[in-house]
Amino acid sequence: MRPPVALERLFDAWGAADWPAPDCIERVRGARHGDLPRWLDALRRLPARTAALAPGDVVCIGAGGDLSGGERHHLLNALRGLMPWRKGPFELFGIHVDAEWRSDRKWRRVQPHVHLTGKRVLDVGCGNGYFGWRMLEAGAEAVVGIDPSLLFVLQHAAVASCAEEGTARNLVLPLRLEDLAQPNSAPHTPFDVAFSMGVVYHRRDPQAHLSQLASLLTDEGLLVLETLVACTAFVPEGRYARMRNVWQVPDAATIDHWLTAAGFTPGAVVDIAPTTPAEQRTTEWMPHQSLLDALDPNDLTRTIEGHPAPTRAVILAHRVGS
């Protein structure tokens, strides 16, 4: 069994960040999550083999023939030990990780509207870092992803540790936006672009979320906001599509109010599309309930609670310069 090289490499990358290093290492090592020993054991079982990373619809590292039979067995067990995989797809040395979300479909809707060449990018609620690899592919100088879920951080560690040295420009830190927005934790150099995808409707105070993003952007920096949206805003009583923490499904006017109050220009909607079971579904790598379980089986245009089924919009706004 190998030492946890994946974490060691990430710890080095975290310490090399150009702002006062948050307590990322302590957050992982000191976490009391009951599954943490299993997840760390999965990282230790990764084969000591690296290969070039090739971003694309499937983020790919290496080929099946690069590993011995025993190495492939250990890699497969390690990746299964980090289930469920929510974002993807990935292919690591010939093992296809078919995540719940076909995140490449969302990226195809977003990418044509943003120009990332040479940009420093922040990705809030980044999950396991799938979009960060796509952002680097699109020309970003560096991507800092933040997500409080330790499982997602360690999934990223597994992918990153399979890649050859020099790919640490896509970081995933075990932080919340509130942590990063603190004066003593904020980066010395503001970000040029911030992504908040699938996050704002989970915030009790969406305007505060957007204000924190504005504080981390350059003057006239770009915000890419991807969110649930409805023709008329509503506050679900109880759950929405089986999710407990959806505090509001906004409409365009509500989003514009949030944005302008937080110091952004009014939003420009560049894409709007329903979420379909072809994009979000149960798979071998995420065998739990997914979108179909959250929709009315007799009317797929409604959630199981009777609300409009999920529709998502991509909205661009710029920070108003000081």
Protein backbone atom coordinates (compact mmCIF):
# COMPACT_ATOMS: atom_id res chain seq x y z
CA MET A 1 0.00 0.00 0.00
CA ARG A 2 1.43 3.37 -1.03
CA PRO A 3 1.65 6.40 1.27
CA PRO A 4 -1.02 9.04 0.62
CA VAL A 5 0.97 10.79 -2.10
CA ALA A 6 -2.24 12.37 -3.43
CA LEU A 7 -2.75 14.37 -0.25
CA GLU A 8 0.92 15.23 0.10
CA ARG A 9 0.95 16.72 -3.39
CA LEU A 10 -2.17 18.71 -2.69
CA PHE A 11 -0.80 19.94 0.62
CA ASP A 12 2.26 21.24 -1.23
CA ALA A 13 0.04 22.99 -3.76
CA TRP A 14 -2.12 24.53 -1.04
CA GLY A 15 0.98 25.86 0.74
CA ALA A 16 2.25 27.38 -2.52
CA ALA A 17 -0.89 29.45 -3.05
CA ASP A 18 -0.26 33.19 -3.27
CA TRP A 19 -2.31 34.17 -0.21
CA PRO A 20 -2.03 33.32 3.48
CA ALA A 21 -2.60 29.57 3.44
CA PRO A 22 -5.99 28.69 4.94
CA ASP A 23 -6.15 25.78 7.37
CA CYS A 24 -6.80 23.31 4.55
CA ILE A 25 -4.45 20.63 5.81
CA GLU A 26 -5.89 20.74 9.31
CA ARG A 27 -9.43 20.63 7.96
CA VAL A 28 -8.73 17.31 6.25
CA ARG A 29 -6.54 15.71 8.87
CA GLY A 30 -8.76 16.81 11.75
CA ALA A 31 -12.11 16.04 10.16
CA ARG A 32 -14.38 13.70 12.12
CA HIS A 33 -16.40 12.41 9.19
CA GLY A 34 -17.11 8.73 9.69
CA ASP A 35 -16.11 7.84 6.12
CA LEU A 36 -12.80 9.72 6.18
CA PRO A 37 -10.67 6.63 7.05
CA ARG A 38 -12.22 4.77 4.10
CA TRP A 39 -11.58 7.68 1.74
CA LEU A 40 -7.96 8.08 2.86
CA ASP A 41 -7.46 4.33 2.51
CA ALA A 42 -8.76 4.60 -1.06
CA LEU A 43 -6.12 7.24 -1.82
CA ARG A 44 -3.41 4.99 -0.44
CA ARG A 45 -4.49 2.26 -2.84
CA LEU A 46 -3.89 4.36 -5.94
CA PRO A 47 -1.13 2.90 -8.12
CA ALA A 48 2.13 4.84 -8.18
CA ARG A 49 1.73 5.68 -11.86
CA THR A 50 1.15 9.00 -13.60
CA ALA A 51 0.39 10.06 -17.16
CA ALA A 52 -0.46 13.15 -19.16
CA LEU A 53 -3.86 14.69 -18.54
CA ALA A 54 -6.06 15.30 -21.58
CA PRO A 55 -9.11 17.46 -20.81
CA GLY A 56 -12.17 17.08 -22.99
CA ASP A 57 -15.78 16.01 -22.54
CA VAL A 58 -14.21 13.06 -20.70
CA VAL A 59 -11.27 14.22 -18.57
CA CYS A 60 -8.77 11.52 -19.45
CA ILE A 61 -5.47 10.42 -17.90
CA GLY A 62 -3.43 7.58 -19.40
CA ALA A 63 -4.65 4.44 -21.16
CA GLY A 64 -5.66 0.99 -20.02
CA GLY A 65 -2.44 -0.54 -21.34
CA ASP A 66 -0.33 1.69 -19.07
CA LEU A 67 -1.15 -0.40 -15.99
CA SER A 68 -0.54 -3.99 -15.03
CA GLY A 69 -3.53 -6.12 -14.11
CA GLY A 70 -2.77 -5.69 -10.43
CA GLU A 71 -2.41 -1.92 -10.73
CA ARG A 72 -5.70 -1.66 -12.57
CA HIS A 73 -7.40 -3.72 -9.85
CA HIS A 74 -6.06 -1.38 -7.13
CA LEU A 75 -7.07 1.72 -9.09
CA LEU A 76 -10.59 0.44 -9.67
CA ASN A 77 -11.03 -0.38 -5.97
CA ALA A 78 -9.62 3.01 -4.97
CA LEU A 79 -12.02 4.90 -7.23
CA ARG A 80 -14.94 2.80 -6.02
CA GLY A 81 -13.91 3.60 -2.47
CA LEU A 82 -14.49 7.28 -3.26
CA MET A 83 -18.07 6.80 -4.47
CA PRO A 84 -20.49 8.42 -5.10
CA TRP A 85 -19.09 10.43 -8.02
CA ARG A 86 -21.42 13.35 -8.72
CA LYS A 87 -19.54 15.27 -11.45
CA GLY A 88 -17.70 13.92 -14.47
CA PRO A 89 -17.09 11.99 -16.64
CA PHE A 90 -13.48 10.92 -16.06
CA GLU A 91 -11.38 8.16 -17.54
CA LEU A 92 -8.33 7.13 -15.56
CA PHE A 93 -6.04 4.57 -17.19
CA GLY A 94 -8.95 3.10 -19.11
CA ILE A 95 -11.42 3.06 -16.20
CA HIS A 96 -14.48 5.11 -17.13
CA VAL A 97 -16.04 6.95 -14.19
CA ASP A 98 -19.60 7.66 -15.31
CA ALA A 99 -20.68 10.26 -12.77
CA GLU A 100 -24.26 11.21 -11.93
CA TRP A 101 -23.98 14.49 -13.84
CA ARG A 102 -22.87 14.62 -17.45
CA SER A 103 -21.07 17.83 -16.56
CA ASP A 104 -19.71 18.11 -20.10
CA ARG A 105 -23.23 19.04 -21.24
CA LYS A 106 -23.37 21.99 -18.85
CA TRP A 107 -19.87 23.04 -19.90
CA ARG A 108 -20.93 23.08 -23.56
CA ARG A 109 -23.67 25.55 -22.64
CA VAL A 110 -21.33 27.77 -20.62
CA GLN A 111 -17.98 27.72 -22.43
CA PRO A 112 -18.90 29.57 -25.66
CA HIS A 113 -19.88 32.64 -23.63
CA VAL A 114 -16.74 33.07 -21.52
CA HIS A 115 -13.15 33.87 -22.48
CA LEU A 116 -10.68 32.44 -19.98
CA THR A 117 -7.31 32.79 -21.72
CA GLY A 118 -4.77 34.01 -19.17
CA LYS A 119 -7.44 34.47 -16.47
CA ARG A 120 -7.30 33.61 -12.77
CA VAL A 121 -10.53 31.75 -12.05
CA LEU A 122 -12.49 31.02 -8.88
CA ASP A 123 -15.00 28.13 -8.96
CA VAL A 124 -17.32 28.14 -5.93
CA GLY A 125 -19.00 24.84 -5.06
CA CYS A 126 -16.67 23.18 -7.54
CA GLY A 127 -17.34 19.58 -6.50
CA ASN A 128 -14.50 17.27 -7.52
CA GLY A 129 -12.83 19.76 -9.86
CA TYR A 130 -14.18 18.50 -13.20
CA PHE A 131 -14.94 22.01 -14.42
CA GLY A 132 -11.51 23.23 -13.34
CA TRP A 133 -9.83 20.91 -15.83
CA ARG A 134 -12.16 22.20 -18.55
CA MET A 135 -11.35 25.79 -17.56
CA LEU A 136 -7.63 25.10 -17.93
CA GLU A 137 -8.37 23.54 -21.31
CA ALA A 138 -10.12 26.81 -22.25
CA GLY A 139 -6.96 28.78 -21.46
CA ALA A 140 -7.26 29.75 -17.79
CA GLU A 141 -3.95 30.56 -16.11
CA ALA A 142 -5.05 28.90 -12.86
CA VAL A 143 -8.26 27.70 -11.23
CA VAL A 144 -9.01 27.73 -7.51
CA GLY A 145 -12.04 25.62 -6.68
CA ILE A 146 -13.58 25.60 -3.22
CA ASP A 147 -16.00 23.06 -1.79
CA PRO A 148 -16.65 22.09 1.85
CA SER A 149 -17.30 18.42 0.97
CA LEU A 150 -14.26 16.36 1.94
CA LEU A 151 -15.31 13.57 -0.43
CA PHE A 152 -15.17 15.92 -3.41
CA VAL A 153 -11.79 17.28 -2.29
CA LEU A 154 -10.41 13.74 -2.04
CA GLN A 155 -11.90 12.71 -5.40
CA HIS A 156 -9.98 15.62 -6.89
CA ALA A 157 -6.88 14.43 -5.04
CA ALA A 158 -7.25 11.01 -6.67
CA VAL A 159 -7.55 12.48 -10.17
CA ALA A 160 -4.76 15.01 -9.67
CA SER A 161 -2.36 12.40 -8.25
CA CYS A 162 -2.73 10.30 -11.41
CA ALA A 163 -1.66 13.23 -13.56
CA GLU A 164 1.94 14.09 -14.33
CA GLU A 165 3.63 16.83 -12.30
CA GLY A 166 2.77 20.33 -13.43
CA THR A 167 -1.02 19.99 -13.34
CA ALA A 168 -1.52 21.62 -9.92
CA ARG A 169 -2.99 24.78 -11.48
CA ASN A 170 -6.43 23.29 -10.77
CA LEU A 171 -6.80 23.33 -6.99
CA VAL A 172 -9.75 22.16 -4.94
CA LEU A 173 -9.69 23.54 -1.40
CA PRO A 174 -11.90 22.32 1.48
CA LEU A 175 -13.35 25.78 2.10
CA ARG A 176 -16.61 27.69 1.99
CA LEU A 177 -16.88 31.03 0.23
CA GLU A 178 -17.24 32.68 3.64
CA ASP A 179 -13.78 31.36 4.56
CA LEU A 180 -12.11 32.69 1.44
CA ALA A 181 -13.81 36.09 1.66
CA GLN A 182 -12.33 36.80 5.10
CA PRO A 183 -9.76 39.65 4.94
CA ASN A 184 -6.95 37.47 6.35
CA SER A 185 -7.71 34.62 3.92
CA ALA A 186 -8.45 36.51 0.71
CA PRO A 187 -5.97 36.12 -2.17
CA HIS A 188 -3.48 38.94 -2.68
CA THR A 189 -4.44 39.06 -6.36
CA PRO A 190 -8.17 39.21 -7.11
CA PHE A 191 -9.73 36.76 -9.53
CA ASP A 192 -10.62 37.77 -13.07
CA VAL A 193 -13.57 35.38 -13.35
CA ALA A 194 -15.75 33.72 -10.71
CA PHE A 195 -18.08 30.79 -11.37
CA SER A 196 -21.01 30.04 -9.08
CA MET A 197 -22.80 27.08 -10.62
CA GLY A 198 -25.63 25.36 -8.79
CA VAL A 199 -24.99 27.23 -5.54
CA VAL A 200 -26.98 30.46 -5.15
CA TYR A 201 -30.37 28.80 -4.55
CA HIS A 202 -28.83 26.84 -1.68
CA ARG A 203 -27.91 30.06 0.13
CA ARG A 204 -30.28 31.54 2.70
CA ASP A 205 -28.95 34.98 1.74
CA PRO A 206 -28.22 34.92 -2.01
CA GLN A 207 -27.30 38.61 -2.07
CA ALA A 208 -24.61 38.06 0.57
CA HIS A 209 -23.23 35.17 -1.52
CA LEU A 210 -22.97 37.45 -4.55
CA SER A 211 -21.45 40.30 -2.50
CA GLN A 212 -18.73 37.93 -1.27
CA LEU A 213 -18.00 36.94 -4.86
CA ALA A 214 -17.78 40.61 -5.86
CA SER A 215 -15.22 41.22 -3.09
CA LEU A 216 -12.91 38.60 -4.63
CA LEU A 217 -13.09 39.89 -8.22
CA THR A 218 -11.09 42.52 -10.05
CA ASP A 219 -12.86 45.71 -11.05
CA GLU A 220 -15.17 44.73 -13.91
CA GLY A 221 -14.36 41.07 -13.24
CA LEU A 222 -16.79 38.55 -14.69
CA LEU A 223 -19.31 36.49 -12.72
CA VAL A 224 -20.71 33.34 -14.34
CA LEU A 225 -23.86 32.48 -12.41
CA GLU A 226 -25.62 29.19 -13.18
CA THR A 227 -28.81 28.64 -11.26
CA LEU A 228 -32.23 27.11 -11.11
CA VAL A 229 -34.72 29.58 -12.56
CA ALA A 230 -38.50 29.84 -12.92
CA CYS A 231 -40.92 32.04 -14.85
CA THR A 232 -42.13 33.35 -11.50
CA ALA A 233 -39.95 33.16 -8.39
CA PHE A 234 -41.19 30.88 -5.63
CA VAL A 235 -40.12 29.64 -2.22
CA PRO A 236 -40.74 25.90 -1.94
CA GLU A 237 -42.34 24.73 1.28
CA GLY A 238 -40.32 21.76 2.42
CA ARG A 239 -38.27 20.17 -0.34
CA TYR A 240 -37.75 20.97 -3.99
CA ALA A 241 -36.99 17.97 -6.23
CA ARG A 242 -36.22 16.05 -3.02
CA MET A 243 -33.58 18.63 -2.04
CA ARG A 244 -33.93 19.99 1.50
CA ASN A 245 -31.98 23.22 1.16
CA VAL A 246 -33.44 25.06 -1.82
CA TRP A 247 -34.44 28.37 -0.24
CA GLN A 248 -35.79 30.07 -3.37
CA VAL A 249 -36.10 29.37 -7.09
CA PRO A 250 -35.64 32.85 -8.59
CA ASP A 251 -36.91 34.48 -11.73
CA ALA A 252 -34.93 36.89 -13.93
CA ALA A 253 -36.10 40.01 -12.06
CA THR A 254 -35.11 38.53 -8.69
CA ILE A 255 -31.66 37.61 -9.99
CA ASP A 256 -31.14 41.12 -11.37
CA HIS A 257 -32.09 42.58 -7.98
CA TRP A 258 -29.59 40.32 -6.21
CA LEU A 259 -26.84 41.16 -8.70
CA THR A 260 -27.22 44.93 -8.72
CA ALA A 261 -27.52 45.08 -4.92
CA ALA A 262 -24.28 43.08 -4.67
CA GLY A 263 -22.36 45.45 -6.96
CA PHE A 264 -22.77 43.78 -10.34
CA THR A 265 -24.26 44.90 -13.61
CA PRO A 266 -27.70 43.47 -14.45
CA GLY A 267 -27.42 39.89 -15.61
CA ALA A 268 -27.32 38.78 -19.23
CA VAL A 269 -28.99 35.40 -19.72
CA VAL A 270 -26.90 33.53 -22.30
CA ASP A 271 -28.48 30.08 -21.96
CA ILE A 272 -31.56 28.50 -20.46
CA ALA A 273 -32.34 24.79 -20.59
CA PRO A 274 -34.33 22.17 -18.70
CA THR A 275 -32.39 19.58 -16.76
CA THR A 276 -33.07 16.16 -18.25
CA PRO A 277 -32.52 12.57 -17.08
CA ALA A 278 -29.94 12.27 -19.86
CA GLU A 279 -27.81 14.85 -18.00
CA GLN A 280 -28.46 13.84 -14.38
CA ARG A 281 -29.08 10.19 -13.63
CA THR A 282 -28.26 7.15 -11.52
CA THR A 283 -25.13 5.31 -12.65
CA GLU A 284 -22.85 2.53 -11.48
CA TRP A 285 -20.69 5.24 -9.88
CA MET A 286 -23.63 7.04 -8.21
CA PRO A 287 -26.21 4.34 -7.46
CA HIS A 288 -28.53 6.47 -5.31
CA GLN A 289 -31.64 8.49 -6.16
CA SER A 290 -31.24 11.01 -8.96
CA LEU A 291 -33.39 13.29 -11.12
CA LEU A 292 -35.99 10.75 -12.24
CA ASP A 293 -36.73 9.94 -8.61
CA ALA A 294 -37.39 13.66 -8.02
CA LEU A 295 -39.93 14.07 -10.84
CA ASP A 296 -43.62 13.21 -10.92
CA PRO A 297 -43.73 9.83 -12.74
CA ASN A 298 -47.00 10.87 -14.41
CA ASP A 299 -45.81 14.34 -15.45
CA LEU A 300 -42.09 14.86 -15.94
CA THR A 301 -42.61 18.62 -16.20
CA ARG A 302 -43.30 18.70 -12.42
CA THR A 303 -41.27 17.70 -9.42
CA ILE A 304 -42.49 15.04 -7.02
CA GLU A 305 -43.72 17.92 -4.81
CA GLY A 306 -45.70 19.53 -7.65
CA HIS A 307 -43.28 22.37 -8.50
CA PRO A 308 -42.01 23.13 -12.03
CA ALA A 309 -39.27 20.67 -12.98
CA PRO A 310 -35.69 22.02 -12.87
CA THR A 311 -34.70 24.55 -15.50
CA ARG A 312 -31.28 26.17 -15.34
CA ALA A 313 -30.00 29.46 -16.67
CA VAL A 314 -26.47 30.72 -17.32
CA ILE A 315 -26.17 34.41 -16.48
CA LEU A 316 -23.20 36.73 -16.97
CA ALA A 317 -22.60 39.90 -14.95
CA HIS A 318 -19.60 42.16 -14.36
CA ARG A 319 -18.52 43.70 -11.12
CA VAL A 320 -19.10 47.44 -11.17
CA GLY A 321 -15.64 49.01 -10.96
CA SER A 322 -14.76 51.12 -7.97
